[in-house]
Amino acid sequence: MSTYKRHRFHPSIISYAVWVYYRFNLSFRDIEDLLAEKGISVSYESIRLWCIKFVPAYVRKLKQRHGGFGDTFYLDEVFIKINGKQHYLWRVVDQDGEVVDVYVQSRRNGAAARQFFKRLLHSHGGQPRTIVTDKLASYRVAKRELMQTVHLNTAKYANNRAEQSHESTRFRERDMRRFKSPGQAQLFLTNHAAVSNLFNLGGHLTTAGHYRRSRTAAFATWRAVVA
């Protein structure tokens, strides 16, 4: 990658720091200590700048290599505080737990739901077979206008998969002392989702051998993306 030019550190160090930040619940200072233990002296501020500069290109390549999502989408929204103001984080995951999209908005009314559905249809390139939501009326408004032929499931507990998918980013939000702006939240969550999807291997649902093979393949993809 030509953007590595004129950087003092080897690309493998840069890409490792970026991967650790988005893969695990660690701060820039934590990663500075991990690298220091390996004899690599780099400031947490440099690591922060690496994440800003390099991760967009990584994520773009990850999306190009992604094999596609399932045909059932689980949608949910939670509120987040940004600079003391309430916003809403809309999230879609498929039946395999992969994050299809995340979107930060200031409202959760019918107009916000329509905007979210339009973004989802554009990024996904088509309609799913089924969408699963809670009973928020805004979803019905958006579905009626934009996904008329899609089956809607609002059964109790059916949407637990989407609700549980918020947990990992809730941890990050807390440790980052909340997001500083809607733009920063959107950027981080989009990048975090792409890296998480690559390593969403379902280790508790498969054999150890299959998990190790899947993990090896994920690391190979990551190495190709950051090369």
C-alpha atoms as a PDB file:
ATOM      1  CA  MET A   1       0.000   0.000   0.000  1.00  0.00           C
ATOM      2  CA  SER A   2       1.616   3.253  -1.196  1.00  0.00           C
ATOM      3  CA  THR A   3       0.324   5.213   1.796  1.00  0.00           C
ATOM      4  CA  TYR A   4       2.866   3.409   3.998  1.00  0.00           C
ATOM      5  CA  LYS A   5       5.603   5.456   2.330  1.00  0.00           C
ATOM      6  CA  ARG A   6       7.562   7.797   4.564  1.00  0.00           C
ATOM      7  CA  HIS A   7       6.305   6.066   7.700  1.00  0.00           C
ATOM      8  CA  ARG A   8       9.078   5.185  10.129  1.00  0.00           C
ATOM      9  CA  PHE A   9       7.447   1.937  11.279  1.00  0.00           C
ATOM     10  CA  HIS A  10       7.074  -1.215   9.231  1.00  0.00           C
ATOM     11  CA  PRO A  11       3.597  -1.797   7.730  1.00  0.00           C
ATOM     12  CA  SER A  12       3.229  -4.976   9.798  1.00  0.00           C
ATOM     13  CA  ILE A  13       3.493  -2.914  13.002  1.00  0.00           C
ATOM     14  CA  ILE A  14       1.010  -0.333  11.787  1.00  0.00           C
ATOM     15  CA  SER A  15      -1.543  -2.903  10.611  1.00  0.00           C
ATOM     16  CA  TYR A  16      -1.139  -4.916  13.824  1.00  0.00           C
ATOM     17  CA  ALA A  17      -1.872  -1.852  15.974  1.00  0.00           C
ATOM     18  CA  VAL A  18      -4.957  -1.008  13.904  1.00  0.00           C
ATOM     19  CA  TRP A  19      -6.190  -4.603  14.055  1.00  0.00           C
ATOM     20  CA  VAL A  20      -5.774  -4.822  17.834  1.00  0.00           C
ATOM     21  CA  TYR A  21      -7.637  -1.549  18.365  1.00  0.00           C
ATOM     22  CA  TYR A  22     -10.684  -2.600  16.369  1.00  0.00           C
ATOM     23  CA  ARG A  23     -10.589  -6.282  17.289  1.00  0.00           C
ATOM     24  CA  PHE A  24     -10.309  -5.965  21.075  1.00  0.00           C
ATOM     25  CA  ASN A  25     -11.611  -3.639  23.752  1.00  0.00           C
ATOM     26  CA  LEU A  26      -8.311  -1.809  24.207  1.00  0.00           C
ATOM     27  CA  SER A  27      -7.343   1.846  24.316  1.00  0.00           C
ATOM     28  CA  PHE A  28      -4.540   3.467  22.352  1.00  0.00           C
ATOM     29  CA  ARG A  29      -2.469   3.563  25.551  1.00  0.00           C
ATOM     30  CA  ASP A  30      -3.056  -0.184  26.060  1.00  0.00           C
ATOM     31  CA  ILE A  31      -1.727  -0.865  22.562  1.00  0.00           C
ATOM     32  CA  GLU A  32       1.240   1.401  23.207  1.00  0.00           C
ATOM     33  CA  ASP A  33       2.117  -0.854  26.165  1.00  0.00           C
ATOM     34  CA  LEU A  34       1.653  -4.040  24.124  1.00  0.00           C
ATOM     35  CA  LEU A  35       4.055  -2.758  21.485  1.00  0.00           C
ATOM     36  CA  ALA A  36       6.506  -1.554  24.143  1.00  0.00           C
ATOM     37  CA  GLU A  37       6.635  -5.080  25.572  1.00  0.00           C
ATOM     38  CA  LYS A  38       7.797  -6.216  22.123  1.00  0.00           C
ATOM     39  CA  GLY A  39      10.510  -3.542  22.115  1.00  0.00           C
ATOM     40  CA  ILE A  40       8.617  -1.171  19.804  1.00  0.00           C
ATOM     41  CA  SER A  41       8.539   2.381  21.116  1.00  0.00           C
ATOM     42  CA  VAL A  42       5.603   4.290  19.631  1.00  0.00           C
ATOM     43  CA  SER A  43       3.278   6.840  21.196  1.00  0.00           C
ATOM     44  CA  TYR A  44      -0.442   6.279  21.632  1.00  0.00           C
ATOM     45  CA  GLU A  45      -1.012   9.417  19.544  1.00  0.00           C
ATOM     46  CA  SER A  46       0.772   7.821  16.578  1.00  0.00           C
ATOM     47  CA  ILE A  47      -1.442   4.751  16.946  1.00  0.00           C
ATOM     48  CA  ARG A  48      -4.515   6.979  16.937  1.00  0.00           C
ATOM     49  CA  LEU A  49      -3.350   8.657  13.736  1.00  0.00           C
ATOM     50  CA  TRP A  50      -2.662   5.255  12.132  1.00  0.00           C
ATOM     51  CA  CYS A  51      -6.240   4.222  12.843  1.00  0.00           C
ATOM     52  CA  ILE A  52      -7.580   7.404  11.267  1.00  0.00           C
ATOM     53  CA  LYS A  53      -5.375   7.167   8.183  1.00  0.00           C
ATOM     54  CA  PHE A  54      -5.289   3.475   7.321  1.00  0.00           C
ATOM     55  CA  VAL A  55      -8.503   1.846   8.484  1.00  0.00           C
ATOM     56  CA  PRO A  56     -10.753   3.368   5.759  1.00  0.00           C
ATOM     57  CA  ALA A  57      -8.680   1.616   3.072  1.00  0.00           C
ATOM     58  CA  TYR A  58      -8.674  -1.620   5.072  1.00  0.00           C
ATOM     59  CA  VAL A  59     -12.455  -1.509   5.504  1.00  0.00           C
ATOM     60  CA  ARG A  60     -13.036  -0.749   1.824  1.00  0.00           C
ATOM     61  CA  LYS A  61     -11.064  -3.850   0.855  1.00  0.00           C
ATOM     62  CA  LEU A  62     -12.773  -5.967   3.506  1.00  0.00           C
ATOM     63  CA  LYS A  63     -16.169  -5.030   2.069  1.00  0.00           C
ATOM     64  CA  GLN A  64     -14.998  -5.913  -1.433  1.00  0.00           C
ATOM     65  CA  ARG A  65     -13.937  -9.359  -0.236  1.00  0.00           C
ATOM     66  CA  HIS A  66     -17.031 -10.001   1.862  1.00  0.00           C
ATOM     67  CA  GLY A  67     -19.006 -13.037   0.751  1.00  0.00           C
ATOM     68  CA  GLY A  68     -22.426 -11.486   1.273  1.00  0.00           C
ATOM     69  CA  PHE A  69     -25.044 -11.483   4.011  1.00  0.00           C
ATOM     70  CA  GLY A  70     -27.942 -13.790   4.750  1.00  0.00           C
ATOM     71  CA  ASP A  71     -31.571 -13.259   3.744  1.00  0.00           C
ATOM     72  CA  THR A  72     -32.949 -12.438   7.197  1.00  0.00           C
ATOM     73  CA  PHE A  73     -32.173  -9.069   8.753  1.00  0.00           C
ATOM     74  CA  TYR A  74     -32.641  -8.232  12.432  1.00  0.00           C
ATOM     75  CA  LEU A  75     -33.095  -4.514  13.122  1.00  0.00           C
ATOM     76  CA  ASP A  76     -32.884  -2.627  16.377  1.00  0.00           C
ATOM     77  CA  GLU A  77     -32.142   0.835  17.675  1.00  0.00           C
ATOM     78  CA  VAL A  78     -30.680   2.065  20.961  1.00  0.00           C
ATOM     79  CA  PHE A  79     -30.099   5.556  22.244  1.00  0.00           C
ATOM     80  CA  ILE A  80     -26.606   6.937  22.741  1.00  0.00           C
ATOM     81  CA  LYS A  81     -25.554  10.207  24.355  1.00  0.00           C
ATOM     82  CA  ILE A  82     -23.231  12.379  22.267  1.00  0.00           C
ATOM     83  CA  ASN A  83     -22.121  15.664  23.823  1.00  0.00           C
ATOM     84  CA  GLY A  84     -25.063  15.467  26.198  1.00  0.00           C
ATOM     85  CA  LYS A  85     -27.621  15.067  23.400  1.00  0.00           C
ATOM     86  CA  GLN A  86     -29.614  11.920  22.747  1.00  0.00           C
ATOM     87  CA  HIS A  87     -29.049  10.169  19.430  1.00  0.00           C
ATOM     88  CA  TYR A  88     -30.101   6.766  18.139  1.00  0.00           C
ATOM     89  CA  LEU A  89     -27.904   4.009  16.849  1.00  0.00           C
ATOM     90  CA  TRP A  90     -29.739   1.878  14.285  1.00  0.00           C
ATOM     91  CA  ARG A  91     -28.197  -1.527  13.614  1.00  0.00           C
ATOM     92  CA  VAL A  92     -28.915  -4.439  11.263  1.00  0.00           C
ATOM     93  CA  VAL A  93     -27.444  -7.927  11.659  1.00  0.00           C
ATOM     94  CA  ASP A  94     -28.152 -11.045   9.622  1.00  0.00           C
ATOM     95  CA  GLN A  95     -28.975 -14.554  10.856  1.00  0.00           C
ATOM     96  CA  ASP A  96     -25.255 -15.312  11.251  1.00  0.00           C
ATOM     97  CA  GLY A  97     -24.704 -12.338  13.548  1.00  0.00           C
ATOM     98  CA  GLU A  98     -22.782 -10.281  10.989  1.00  0.00           C
ATOM     99  CA  VAL A  99     -23.379  -6.541  11.053  1.00  0.00           C
ATOM    100  CA  VAL A 100     -24.984  -5.433   7.797  1.00  0.00           C
ATOM    101  CA  ASP A 101     -25.078  -1.727   8.635  1.00  0.00           C
ATOM    102  CA  VAL A 102     -25.027   0.777  11.468  1.00  0.00           C
ATOM    103  CA  TYR A 103     -26.399   4.289  11.281  1.00  0.00           C
ATOM    104  CA  VAL A 104     -26.379   7.148  13.801  1.00  0.00           C
ATOM    105  CA  GLN A 105     -29.351   9.522  13.678  1.00  0.00           C
ATOM    106  CA  SER A 106     -30.845  12.155  15.947  1.00  0.00           C
ATOM    107  CA  ARG A 107     -34.387  10.739  15.766  1.00  0.00           C
ATOM    108  CA  ARG A 108     -36.223   7.433  15.527  1.00  0.00           C
ATOM    109  CA  ASN A 109     -39.448   8.503  13.842  1.00  0.00           C
ATOM    110  CA  GLY A 110     -40.845   7.404  10.483  1.00  0.00           C
ATOM    111  CA  ALA A 111     -38.560   9.733   8.518  1.00  0.00           C
ATOM    112  CA  ALA A 112     -35.500   8.379  10.320  1.00  0.00           C
ATOM    113  CA  ALA A 113     -36.605   4.800   9.646  1.00  0.00           C
ATOM    114  CA  ARG A 114     -37.099   5.572   5.937  1.00  0.00           C
ATOM    115  CA  GLN A 115     -33.626   7.092   5.748  1.00  0.00           C
ATOM    116  CA  PHE A 116     -32.195   4.027   7.430  1.00  0.00           C
ATOM    117  CA  PHE A 117     -34.022   1.657   5.066  1.00  0.00           C
ATOM    118  CA  LYS A 118     -32.864   3.627   2.011  1.00  0.00           C
ATOM    119  CA  ARG A 119     -29.280   3.431   3.230  1.00  0.00           C
ATOM    120  CA  LEU A 120     -29.658  -0.284   3.915  1.00  0.00           C
ATOM    121  CA  LEU A 121     -31.085  -1.033   0.457  1.00  0.00           C
ATOM    122  CA  HIS A 122     -28.327   0.982  -1.194  1.00  0.00           C
ATOM    123  CA  SER A 123     -25.465  -0.619   0.742  1.00  0.00           C
ATOM    124  CA  HIS A 124     -26.890  -4.140   0.566  1.00  0.00           C
ATOM    125  CA  GLY A 125     -27.847  -3.934  -3.086  1.00  0.00           C
ATOM    126  CA  GLY A 126     -31.257  -5.556  -2.659  1.00  0.00           C
ATOM    127  CA  GLN A 127     -34.017  -6.573  -0.292  1.00  0.00           C
ATOM    128  CA  PRO A 128     -33.817  -9.368   2.288  1.00  0.00           C
ATOM    129  CA  ARG A 129     -36.467 -12.090   2.473  1.00  0.00           C
ATOM    130  CA  THR A 130     -37.450 -11.242   6.067  1.00  0.00           C
ATOM    131  CA  ILE A 131     -36.851  -8.392   8.482  1.00  0.00           C
ATOM    132  CA  VAL A 132     -37.248  -8.874  12.224  1.00  0.00           C
ATOM    133  CA  THR A 133     -37.914  -5.815  14.381  1.00  0.00           C
ATOM    134  CA  ASP A 134     -39.466  -4.773  17.650  1.00  0.00           C
ATOM    135  CA  LYS A 135     -42.901  -3.157  17.612  1.00  0.00           C
ATOM    136  CA  LEU A 136     -41.659   0.386  16.916  1.00  0.00           C
ATOM    137  CA  ALA A 137     -44.233   1.860  14.516  1.00  0.00           C
ATOM    138  CA  SER A 138     -41.553   3.651  12.497  1.00  0.00           C
ATOM    139  CA  TYR A 139     -40.388   0.326  11.048  1.00  0.00           C
ATOM    140  CA  ARG A 140     -43.860  -0.382   9.651  1.00  0.00           C
ATOM    141  CA  VAL A 141     -43.973   3.043   8.019  1.00  0.00           C
ATOM    142  CA  ALA A 142     -40.627   2.531   6.285  1.00  0.00           C
ATOM    143  CA  LYS A 143     -41.410  -1.057   5.283  1.00  0.00           C
ATOM    144  CA  ARG A 144     -44.746  -0.070   3.752  1.00  0.00           C
ATOM    145  CA  GLU A 145     -43.011   2.478   1.538  1.00  0.00           C
ATOM    146  CA  LEU A 146     -39.729   0.759   0.691  1.00  0.00           C
ATOM    147  CA  MET A 147     -39.986  -3.000   1.344  1.00  0.00           C
ATOM    148  CA  GLN A 148     -43.574  -3.908   0.564  1.00  0.00           C
ATOM    149  CA  THR A 149     -42.843  -7.525  -0.449  1.00  0.00           C
ATOM    150  CA  VAL A 150     -40.552  -8.289   2.501  1.00  0.00           C
ATOM    151  CA  HIS A 151     -41.963 -10.356   5.350  1.00  0.00           C
ATOM    152  CA  LEU A 152     -42.017  -8.498   8.688  1.00  0.00           C
ATOM    153  CA  ASN A 153     -41.652 -10.425  11.950  1.00  0.00           C
ATOM    154  CA  THR A 154     -42.363  -8.548  15.181  1.00  0.00           C
ATOM    155  CA  ALA A 155     -42.892 -11.550  17.469  1.00  0.00           C
ATOM    156  CA  LYS A 156     -41.798 -11.244  21.079  1.00  0.00           C
ATOM    157  CA  TYR A 157     -38.127 -12.201  21.627  1.00  0.00           C
ATOM    158  CA  ALA A 158     -37.602 -12.712  17.879  1.00  0.00           C
ATOM    159  CA  ASN A 159     -35.360  -9.652  17.776  1.00  0.00           C
ATOM    160  CA  ASN A 160     -33.010 -10.712  20.590  1.00  0.00           C
ATOM    161  CA  ARG A 161     -30.189 -11.257  18.108  1.00  0.00           C
ATOM    162  CA  ALA A 162     -30.161  -7.574  17.134  1.00  0.00           C
ATOM    163  CA  GLU A 163     -30.531  -6.384  20.722  1.00  0.00           C
ATOM    164  CA  GLN A 164     -27.574  -8.489  21.859  1.00  0.00           C
ATOM    165  CA  SER A 165     -25.434  -7.231  18.976  1.00  0.00           C
ATOM    166  CA  HIS A 166     -25.230  -3.824  20.657  1.00  0.00           C
ATOM    167  CA  GLU A 167     -23.287  -5.191  23.625  1.00  0.00           C
ATOM    168  CA  SER A 168     -19.784  -5.073  22.133  1.00  0.00           C
ATOM    169  CA  THR A 169     -20.067  -1.461  21.025  1.00  0.00           C
ATOM    170  CA  ARG A 170     -21.652  -0.494  24.339  1.00  0.00           C
ATOM    171  CA  PHE A 171     -18.448  -1.678  26.016  1.00  0.00           C
ATOM    172  CA  ARG A 172     -16.362   0.393  23.611  1.00  0.00           C
ATOM    173  CA  GLU A 173     -18.569   3.451  24.060  1.00  0.00           C
ATOM    174  CA  ARG A 174     -18.101   3.249  27.831  1.00  0.00           C
ATOM    175  CA  ASP A 175     -14.329   2.770  27.689  1.00  0.00           C
ATOM    176  CA  MET A 176     -13.968   5.589  25.144  1.00  0.00           C
ATOM    177  CA  ARG A 177     -15.882   7.820  27.611  1.00  0.00           C
ATOM    178  CA  ARG A 178     -18.684   8.166  25.096  1.00  0.00           C
ATOM    179  CA  PHE A 179     -18.477   9.258  21.484  1.00  0.00           C
ATOM    180  CA  LYS A 180     -17.485  12.851  20.872  1.00  0.00           C
ATOM    181  CA  SER A 181     -19.618  13.545  17.786  1.00  0.00           C
ATOM    182  CA  PRO A 182     -22.118  11.750  15.517  1.00  0.00           C
ATOM    183  CA  GLY A 183     -19.504  11.630  12.759  1.00  0.00           C
ATOM    184  CA  GLN A 184     -16.901  10.062  15.027  1.00  0.00           C
ATOM    185  CA  ALA A 185     -19.427   7.516  16.273  1.00  0.00           C
ATOM    186  CA  GLN A 186     -20.508   6.623  12.726  1.00  0.00           C
ATOM    187  CA  LEU A 187     -16.920   6.213  11.539  1.00  0.00           C
ATOM    188  CA  PHE A 188     -15.802   4.094  14.468  1.00  0.00           C
ATOM    189  CA  LEU A 189     -18.849   1.822  14.432  1.00  0.00           C
ATOM    190  CA  THR A 190     -18.625   1.270  10.659  1.00  0.00           C
ATOM    191  CA  ASN A 191     -14.960   0.317  10.920  1.00  0.00           C
ATOM    192  CA  HIS A 192     -15.523  -1.805  14.008  1.00  0.00           C
ATOM    193  CA  ALA A 193     -18.313  -3.724  12.253  1.00  0.00           C
ATOM    194  CA  ALA A 194     -16.161  -4.573   9.228  1.00  0.00           C
ATOM    195  CA  VAL A 195     -13.306  -5.959  11.328  1.00  0.00           C
ATOM    196  CA  SER A 196     -15.699  -7.793  13.657  1.00  0.00           C
ATOM    197  CA  ASN A 197     -17.448  -9.435  10.698  1.00  0.00           C
ATOM    198  CA  LEU A 198     -14.164 -10.853   9.438  1.00  0.00           C
ATOM    199  CA  PHE A 199     -13.521 -12.555  12.772  1.00  0.00           C
ATOM    200  CA  ASN A 200     -17.153 -13.485  13.472  1.00  0.00           C
ATOM    201  CA  LEU A 201     -16.320 -17.193  13.438  1.00  0.00           C
ATOM    202  CA  GLY A 202     -18.899 -18.606  15.839  1.00  0.00           C
ATOM    203  CA  GLY A 203     -16.325 -20.557  17.848  1.00  0.00           C
ATOM    204  CA  HIS A 204     -18.949 -21.723  20.334  1.00  0.00           C
ATOM    205  CA  LEU A 205     -21.080 -23.204  17.535  1.00  0.00           C
ATOM    206  CA  THR A 206     -18.523 -25.319  15.705  1.00  0.00           C
ATOM    207  CA  THR A 207     -15.718 -27.805  16.272  1.00  0.00           C
ATOM    208  CA  ALA A 208     -12.289 -26.661  17.381  1.00  0.00           C
ATOM    209  CA  GLY A 209     -10.739 -27.825  14.120  1.00  0.00           C
ATOM    210  CA  HIS A 210     -13.217 -25.920  11.967  1.00  0.00           C
ATOM    211  CA  TYR A 211     -12.799 -22.828  14.117  1.00  0.00           C
ATOM    212  CA  ARG A 212      -9.018 -22.893  13.739  1.00  0.00           C
ATOM    213  CA  ARG A 213      -9.297 -23.281   9.956  1.00  0.00           C
ATOM    214  CA  SER A 214     -11.755 -20.394   9.792  1.00  0.00           C
ATOM    215  CA  ARG A 215      -9.481 -18.251  11.932  1.00  0.00           C
ATOM    216  CA  THR A 216      -6.500 -19.035   9.704  1.00  0.00           C
ATOM    217  CA  ALA A 217      -8.543 -17.993   6.672  1.00  0.00           C
ATOM    218  CA  ALA A 218      -9.590 -14.759   8.418  1.00  0.00           C
ATOM    219  CA  PHE A 219      -5.975 -13.893   9.201  1.00  0.00           C
ATOM    220  CA  ALA A 220      -5.020 -14.599   5.585  1.00  0.00           C
ATOM    221  CA  THR A 221      -7.721 -12.200   4.418  1.00  0.00           C
ATOM    222  CA  TRP A 222      -6.535  -9.561   6.859  1.00  0.00           C
ATOM    223  CA  ARG A 223      -2.923  -9.895   5.654  1.00  0.00           C
ATOM    224  CA  ALA A 224      -4.069  -9.495   2.051  1.00  0.00           C
ATOM    225  CA  VAL A 225      -6.135  -6.431   2.921  1.00  0.00           C
ATOM    226  CA  VAL A 226      -3.317  -4.605   4.721  1.00  0.00           C
ATOM    227  CA  ALA A 227      -0.556  -5.539   2.264  1.00  0.00           C
END
